[in-house]
């Protein structure tokens, strides 16, 4: 757990956490904690039992905003896209008038990225800290969306060039992850709408208006992943179509080869009958003549099918 005093974007490390209980003369306190630290933080800051229980819950948390007497509890999901898999990591936030507590189970990139933003924007209040943190989380969805879109395009090109069975597994896996993520995007969009429109005494009225821009981005992200879902459906149809075309192509080649060898088989079958009264069997050059006929028939049919673009 790290306790920092933030004044106009500048950080001062605080060793005694009890100092964060009282409002500072200027700025605010930022406490960056993990789940184990809640045992210490809950009695000190009077964190609501339900909020702490949500933090400790192993299940994935839906984005939400809970209002309590002394603080707000906010859950928003950070997104990562590693090894072709989508990961959501809950970012739990306790907002006070003079402090903000961030609680995470794993390391989240936005927590590290927020520091230069605070310094550049000279942030001096916890509600502005909340605004920039939510903005970073939402912007990261666009980056992940670009990577998913590039993956879809690459997969589409691979399917058109050379269809493999593994492509179907990739399509099903990526589509299921997009559908799962889309279920989380709707409550996250509603959360940001609440931060923009709801009457919140711990967030400055003028600052609340800026959450409207973040809400517009959240709406765009939801629509973008809706498009991804449709694209994955089209990609599956393209896979099935490509597979059918490939099967038809193979069957056409086999049919052409069978048709070419059929008359050759008939000829060899006729001359394979060992009757005594077959004058061709006793011809001096009959063997070579039959081979020439078979070869001629085969080449003629091959040329015919080639002309018809069967090969």
Foldseek 3Di string as FASTA:
>chain_A
DWKWFAFQLDTDTDDDPLVQLDADPWFAMEAEEELVCCVVVCVSNVDDPVLNVQRPDPDDDFFDWDDDDFWIWTWDWAWDQPPNAIDTWIWIWIFGLRYIYTYTHDDDPLVVVLSVVSNVRRDRTVQVSVVSSLLVRLVVLVVVLVVLVVVLVVLLVCLLVDADPVSVVSLVRNLVRLVVVLVRLVSNLVRLVCLQPPDDPSHDVVVSVVSVVVSVSSVVSSVSSVVVNVSSVVSVVSNVVSVVVVVVLVVLVVVLVCVLCVVVVVLCVVVVDPDPPDVLVVDPCSVVVNVVVSVVSNVVSVVVCVVVVSD
